[in-house]
Amino acid sequence: MTQSINQTETTTMDIIEDMPVQALLDHYAEKGVEIKLPIDELSIVQHIRRLDVNGGKNGKGSVETELPIDENAWFFRCHFPGDPIMPGCLGIEGMWQSIGAILAAKGHHGKLRALGIGEVKFFGEVRPTAEKVTFKVSIDRSLKNKQMVIAVASGSVEVDGEEIYRAEKLKVGVLFDDE
């Protein structure tokens, strides 16, 4: 796997390609910048395909992340027995986590919080036979004060290249740690 980073400062990276999300978080932790994403079963976003801190339709940041599908994943066993599908809320969580990756790449650190969603449309589902889920997110605007930064974004979820969810006004905040 190739990992490519175009780094302009010690705490921010402009473009990231083909990098495990954990490698990005480890990179920042070494520099004293930490952002907390969920771990273990709720670590939905596994791999960054491409992240551009100045990308997207508004130039505020965009990312494409991936989750490889394991047919034995915990959610297939319980949602629904005999008719397994990935819960739609995990697709939303993947988009929220993807926004967190952009905020980390912009150098923000602290506690990541999902703050809401304006609208979401579901028109497909993830089955155990799928190979991968792709999350595509573009930040529309962001706000910052002394306590936090908030990003408002648009996003989509694809399964094996076919769009199955679309969301508007995804809101994620990073609460700054008390210094």
C-alpha atoms as a PDB file:
ATOM      1  CA  MET A   1       0.000   0.000   0.000  1.00  0.00           C
ATOM      2  CA  THR A   2       1.263   3.455  -0.920  1.00  0.00           C
ATOM      3  CA  GLN A   3       0.963   6.245   1.614  1.00  0.00           C
ATOM      4  CA  SER A   4       1.300   9.768   0.320  1.00  0.00           C
ATOM      5  CA  ILE A   5       1.327  12.930   2.390  1.00  0.00           C
ATOM      6  CA  ASN A   6       1.770  16.500   1.196  1.00  0.00           C
ATOM      7  CA  GLN A   7       2.712  18.225   4.431  1.00  0.00           C
ATOM      8  CA  THR A   8       2.878  22.007   4.744  1.00  0.00           C
ATOM      9  CA  GLU A   9       3.317  22.342   8.522  1.00  0.00           C
ATOM     10  CA  THR A  10       4.140  20.053  11.386  1.00  0.00           C
ATOM     11  CA  THR A  11       0.520  19.767  12.519  1.00  0.00           C
ATOM     12  CA  THR A  12      -1.491  19.909   9.287  1.00  0.00           C
ATOM     13  CA  MET A  13      -1.434  17.968   6.042  1.00  0.00           C
ATOM     14  CA  ASP A  14      -3.012  19.300   2.847  1.00  0.00           C
ATOM     15  CA  ILE A  15      -3.498  16.061   0.918  1.00  0.00           C
ATOM     16  CA  ILE A  16      -3.518  12.509   2.232  1.00  0.00           C
ATOM     17  CA  GLU A  17      -3.848   9.468  -0.013  1.00  0.00           C
ATOM     18  CA  ASP A  18      -4.089   5.752   0.765  1.00  0.00           C
ATOM     19  CA  MET A  19      -3.537   5.863   4.511  1.00  0.00           C
ATOM     20  CA  PRO A  20      -5.107   3.867   7.337  1.00  0.00           C
ATOM     21  CA  VAL A  21      -7.060   6.219   9.607  1.00  0.00           C
ATOM     22  CA  GLN A  22      -5.099   4.985  12.622  1.00  0.00           C
ATOM     23  CA  ALA A  23      -1.828   5.995  10.908  1.00  0.00           C
ATOM     24  CA  LEU A  24      -3.195   9.533  10.505  1.00  0.00           C
ATOM     25  CA  LEU A  25      -4.195   9.674  14.184  1.00  0.00           C
ATOM     26  CA  ASP A  26      -0.807   8.261  15.249  1.00  0.00           C
ATOM     27  CA  HIS A  27       0.963  10.897  13.122  1.00  0.00           C
ATOM     28  CA  TYR A  28      -0.817  13.669  14.986  1.00  0.00           C
ATOM     29  CA  ALA A  29      -0.419  12.062  18.412  1.00  0.00           C
ATOM     30  CA  GLU A  30       3.369  12.097  17.894  1.00  0.00           C
ATOM     31  CA  LYS A  31       3.085  15.868  17.440  1.00  0.00           C
ATOM     32  CA  GLY A  32       0.901  16.340  20.532  1.00  0.00           C
ATOM     33  CA  VAL A  33      -2.331  16.772  18.566  1.00  0.00           C
ATOM     34  CA  GLU A  34      -5.037  14.282  19.497  1.00  0.00           C
ATOM     35  CA  ILE A  35      -8.522  13.791  18.177  1.00  0.00           C
ATOM     36  CA  LYS A  36     -10.585  10.967  19.581  1.00  0.00           C
ATOM     37  CA  LEU A  37     -12.444   8.760  17.110  1.00  0.00           C
ATOM     38  CA  PRO A  38     -14.423   5.683  18.218  1.00  0.00           C
ATOM     39  CA  ILE A  39     -12.477   2.429  18.587  1.00  0.00           C
ATOM     40  CA  ASP A  40     -13.117  -1.288  18.238  1.00  0.00           C
ATOM     41  CA  GLU A  41     -16.532  -2.164  16.772  1.00  0.00           C
ATOM     42  CA  LEU A  42     -17.522   1.485  16.348  1.00  0.00           C
ATOM     43  CA  SER A  43     -14.414   2.369  14.378  1.00  0.00           C
ATOM     44  CA  ILE A  44     -16.362   2.555  11.134  1.00  0.00           C
ATOM     45  CA  VAL A  45     -13.855   4.507   9.045  1.00  0.00           C
ATOM     46  CA  GLN A  46     -10.802   2.304   8.484  1.00  0.00           C
ATOM     47  CA  HIS A  47      -8.957   3.764   5.507  1.00  0.00           C
ATOM     48  CA  ILE A  48      -8.516   7.163   3.890  1.00  0.00           C
ATOM     49  CA  ARG A  49      -8.590   6.858   0.121  1.00  0.00           C
ATOM     50  CA  ARG A  50      -8.120  10.634  -0.375  1.00  0.00           C
ATOM     51  CA  LEU A  51      -8.376  13.634   1.940  1.00  0.00           C
ATOM     52  CA  ASP A  52      -7.853  17.232   0.816  1.00  0.00           C
ATOM     53  CA  VAL A  53      -8.112  19.908   3.540  1.00  0.00           C
ATOM     54  CA  ASN A  54      -8.859  22.499   0.828  1.00  0.00           C
ATOM     55  CA  GLY A  55     -10.994  20.265  -1.385  1.00  0.00           C
ATOM     56  CA  GLY A  56     -14.707  19.969  -1.936  1.00  0.00           C
ATOM     57  CA  LYS A  57     -17.156  22.263  -3.652  1.00  0.00           C
ATOM     58  CA  ASN A  58     -16.528  25.061  -1.107  1.00  0.00           C
ATOM     59  CA  GLY A  59     -12.777  24.553  -0.676  1.00  0.00           C
ATOM     60  CA  LYS A  60     -13.248  23.771   3.041  1.00  0.00           C
ATOM     61  CA  GLY A  61     -12.171  20.120   2.930  1.00  0.00           C
ATOM     62  CA  SER A  62     -13.223  16.797   1.464  1.00  0.00           C
ATOM     63  CA  VAL A  63     -12.512  13.169   2.171  1.00  0.00           C
ATOM     64  CA  GLU A  64     -13.187   9.711   0.780  1.00  0.00           C
ATOM     65  CA  THR A  65     -12.855   6.954   3.372  1.00  0.00           C
ATOM     66  CA  GLU A  66     -13.538   3.223   3.324  1.00  0.00           C
ATOM     67  CA  LEU A  67     -14.732   0.346   5.434  1.00  0.00           C
ATOM     68  CA  PRO A  68     -13.946  -3.145   4.113  1.00  0.00           C
ATOM     69  CA  ILE A  69     -16.936  -5.413   4.711  1.00  0.00           C
ATOM     70  CA  ASP A  70     -16.502  -8.545   6.802  1.00  0.00           C
ATOM     71  CA  GLU A  71     -19.412 -10.914   6.281  1.00  0.00           C
ATOM     72  CA  ASN A  72     -19.043 -11.946   9.945  1.00  0.00           C
ATOM     73  CA  ALA A  73     -19.238  -8.372  11.311  1.00  0.00           C
ATOM     74  CA  TRP A  74     -21.074  -8.007  14.622  1.00  0.00           C
ATOM     75  CA  PHE A  75     -23.928  -5.957  13.138  1.00  0.00           C
ATOM     76  CA  PHE A  76     -24.825  -8.606  10.537  1.00  0.00           C
ATOM     77  CA  ARG A  77     -25.385 -11.152  13.328  1.00  0.00           C
ATOM     78  CA  CYS A  78     -27.981  -9.010  15.094  1.00  0.00           C
ATOM     79  CA  HIS A  79     -29.481  -6.721  12.406  1.00  0.00           C
ATOM     80  CA  PHE A  80     -31.517  -8.701  11.294  1.00  0.00           C
ATOM     81  CA  PRO A  81     -31.288 -12.475  11.959  1.00  0.00           C
ATOM     82  CA  GLY A  82     -31.945 -14.223   8.659  1.00  0.00           C
ATOM     83  CA  ASP A  83     -31.950 -10.896   6.764  1.00  0.00           C
ATOM     84  CA  PRO A  84     -28.582  -9.263   7.605  1.00  0.00           C
ATOM     85  CA  ILE A  85     -27.963  -5.617   6.698  1.00  0.00           C
ATOM     86  CA  MET A  86     -25.644  -2.980   8.124  1.00  0.00           C
ATOM     87  CA  PRO A  87     -27.716  -0.531  10.206  1.00  0.00           C
ATOM     88  CA  GLY A  88     -28.214   2.790   8.423  1.00  0.00           C
ATOM     89  CA  CYS A  89     -27.064   4.630  11.547  1.00  0.00           C
ATOM     90  CA  LEU A  90     -23.580   3.131  11.033  1.00  0.00           C
ATOM     91  CA  GLY A  91     -23.469   4.742   7.598  1.00  0.00           C
ATOM     92  CA  ILE A  92     -24.268   8.082   9.219  1.00  0.00           C
ATOM     93  CA  GLU A  93     -21.616   7.387  11.883  1.00  0.00           C
ATOM     94  CA  GLY A  94     -19.099   6.695   9.090  1.00  0.00           C
ATOM     95  CA  MET A  95     -19.822  10.087   7.532  1.00  0.00           C
ATOM     96  CA  TRP A  96     -19.462  11.797  10.949  1.00  0.00           C
ATOM     97  CA  GLN A  97     -16.130   9.992  11.542  1.00  0.00           C
ATOM     98  CA  SER A  98     -14.972  11.055   8.068  1.00  0.00           C
ATOM     99  CA  ILE A  99     -15.607  14.687   9.016  1.00  0.00           C
ATOM    100  CA  GLY A 100     -13.477  14.023  12.112  1.00  0.00           C
ATOM    101  CA  ALA A 101     -10.618  12.903   9.857  1.00  0.00           C
ATOM    102  CA  ILE A 102     -10.807  16.206   7.948  1.00  0.00           C
ATOM    103  CA  LEU A 103     -10.825  18.194  11.194  1.00  0.00           C
ATOM    104  CA  ALA A 104      -7.783  16.228  12.416  1.00  0.00           C
ATOM    105  CA  ALA A 105      -5.972  16.932   9.142  1.00  0.00           C
ATOM    106  CA  LYS A 106      -6.741  20.627   9.636  1.00  0.00           C
ATOM    107  CA  GLY A 107      -4.921  20.422  12.992  1.00  0.00           C
ATOM    108  CA  HIS A 108      -7.935  20.570  15.328  1.00  0.00           C
ATOM    109  CA  HIS A 109      -7.678  18.363  18.372  1.00  0.00           C
ATOM    110  CA  GLY A 110      -9.942  17.440  21.244  1.00  0.00           C
ATOM    111  CA  LYS A 111     -13.102  15.431  21.769  1.00  0.00           C
ATOM    112  CA  LEU A 112     -15.081  14.611  18.629  1.00  0.00           C
ATOM    113  CA  ARG A 113     -18.857  14.976  18.907  1.00  0.00           C
ATOM    114  CA  ALA A 114     -21.637  14.279  16.427  1.00  0.00           C
ATOM    115  CA  LEU A 115     -23.972  17.274  16.689  1.00  0.00           C
ATOM    116  CA  GLY A 116     -26.736  16.448  14.253  1.00  0.00           C
ATOM    117  CA  ILE A 117     -27.921  15.881  10.748  1.00  0.00           C
ATOM    118  CA  GLY A 118     -30.322  17.971   8.706  1.00  0.00           C
ATOM    119  CA  GLU A 119     -31.541  15.422   6.188  1.00  0.00           C
ATOM    120  CA  VAL A 120     -30.683  11.876   5.187  1.00  0.00           C
ATOM    121  CA  LYS A 121     -32.066   9.696   2.412  1.00  0.00           C
ATOM    122  CA  PHE A 122     -31.642   5.928   2.266  1.00  0.00           C
ATOM    123  CA  PHE A 123     -32.108   4.172  -1.072  1.00  0.00           C
ATOM    124  CA  GLY A 124     -30.006   1.038  -0.668  1.00  0.00           C
ATOM    125  CA  GLU A 125     -28.388  -1.191   1.930  1.00  0.00           C
ATOM    126  CA  VAL A 126     -25.158  -2.948   2.834  1.00  0.00           C
ATOM    127  CA  ARG A 127     -25.338  -6.756   2.756  1.00  0.00           C
ATOM    128  CA  PRO A 128     -22.670  -9.244   3.934  1.00  0.00           C
ATOM    129  CA  THR A 129     -21.828 -10.005   0.285  1.00  0.00           C
ATOM    130  CA  ALA A 130     -20.536  -6.446  -0.270  1.00  0.00           C
ATOM    131  CA  GLU A 131     -16.807  -5.823  -0.536  1.00  0.00           C
ATOM    132  CA  LYS A 132     -16.522  -2.249   0.757  1.00  0.00           C
ATOM    133  CA  VAL A 133     -18.422   0.801   1.891  1.00  0.00           C
ATOM    134  CA  THR A 134     -17.141   4.209   0.795  1.00  0.00           C
ATOM    135  CA  PHE A 135     -17.942   7.434   2.640  1.00  0.00           C
ATOM    136  CA  LYS A 136     -17.620  10.706   0.687  1.00  0.00           C
ATOM    137  CA  VAL A 137     -17.865  13.965   2.604  1.00  0.00           C
ATOM    138  CA  SER A 138     -17.364  17.629   1.734  1.00  0.00           C
ATOM    139  CA  ILE A 139     -17.388  20.391   4.345  1.00  0.00           C
ATOM    140  CA  ASP A 140     -19.798  23.180   3.433  1.00  0.00           C
ATOM    141  CA  ARG A 141     -18.868  25.551   6.250  1.00  0.00           C
ATOM    142  CA  SER A 142     -17.190  25.644   9.632  1.00  0.00           C
ATOM    143  CA  LEU A 143     -17.381  27.805  12.724  1.00  0.00           C
ATOM    144  CA  LYS A 144     -14.801  28.187  15.459  1.00  0.00           C
ATOM    145  CA  ASN A 145     -14.792  29.766  18.896  1.00  0.00           C
ATOM    146  CA  LYS A 146     -12.670  29.337  22.034  1.00  0.00           C
ATOM    147  CA  GLN A 147     -14.356  26.078  23.056  1.00  0.00           C
ATOM    148  CA  MET A 148     -14.799  24.220  19.785  1.00  0.00           C
ATOM    149  CA  VAL A 149     -14.857  24.040  16.021  1.00  0.00           C
ATOM    150  CA  ILE A 150     -18.017  22.894  14.225  1.00  0.00           C
ATOM    151  CA  ALA A 151     -18.108  21.569  10.668  1.00  0.00           C
ATOM    152  CA  VAL A 152     -21.284  21.334   8.596  1.00  0.00           C
ATOM    153  CA  ALA A 153     -20.976  18.964   5.648  1.00  0.00           C
ATOM    154  CA  SER A 154     -22.709  17.062   2.862  1.00  0.00           C
ATOM    155  CA  GLY A 155     -21.991  13.407   2.293  1.00  0.00           C
ATOM    156  CA  SER A 156     -22.850  10.130   0.695  1.00  0.00           C
ATOM    157  CA  VAL A 157     -22.355   6.434   1.314  1.00  0.00           C
ATOM    158  CA  GLU A 158     -21.612   3.954  -1.464  1.00  0.00           C
ATOM    159  CA  VAL A 159     -21.515   0.189  -1.408  1.00  0.00           C
ATOM    160  CA  ASP A 160     -19.243  -1.286  -4.067  1.00  0.00           C
ATOM    161  CA  GLY A 161     -19.451   1.948  -6.076  1.00  0.00           C
ATOM    162  CA  GLU A 162     -23.239   2.434  -5.910  1.00  0.00           C
ATOM    163  CA  GLU A 163     -24.598   5.362  -3.885  1.00  0.00           C
ATOM    164  CA  ILE A 164     -27.048   4.178  -1.222  1.00  0.00           C
ATOM    165  CA  TYR A 165     -27.356   7.114   1.252  1.00  0.00           C
ATOM    166  CA  ARG A 166     -27.139  10.866   0.885  1.00  0.00           C
ATOM    167  CA  ALA A 167     -26.992  13.365   3.734  1.00  0.00           C
ATOM    168  CA  GLU A 168     -27.081  17.148   4.118  1.00  0.00           C
ATOM    169  CA  LYS A 169     -26.103  19.311   7.069  1.00  0.00           C
ATOM    170  CA  LEU A 170     -24.051  16.673   8.873  1.00  0.00           C
ATOM    171  CA  LYS A 171     -22.728  18.472  11.953  1.00  0.00           C
ATOM    172  CA  VAL A 172     -19.600  17.482  13.862  1.00  0.00           C
ATOM    173  CA  GLY A 173     -17.751  19.392  16.545  1.00  0.00           C
ATOM    174  CA  VAL A 174     -14.365  19.093  18.166  1.00  0.00           C
ATOM    175  CA  LEU A 175     -14.427  20.248  21.785  1.00  0.00           C
ATOM    176  CA  PHE A 176     -11.029  21.661  22.579  1.00  0.00           C
ATOM    177  CA  ASP A 177      -9.296  20.087  25.563  1.00  0.00           C
ATOM    178  CA  ASP A 178      -8.737  22.424  28.490  1.00  0.00           C
ATOM    179  CA  GLU A 179      -5.123  23.463  28.408  1.00  0.00           C
END
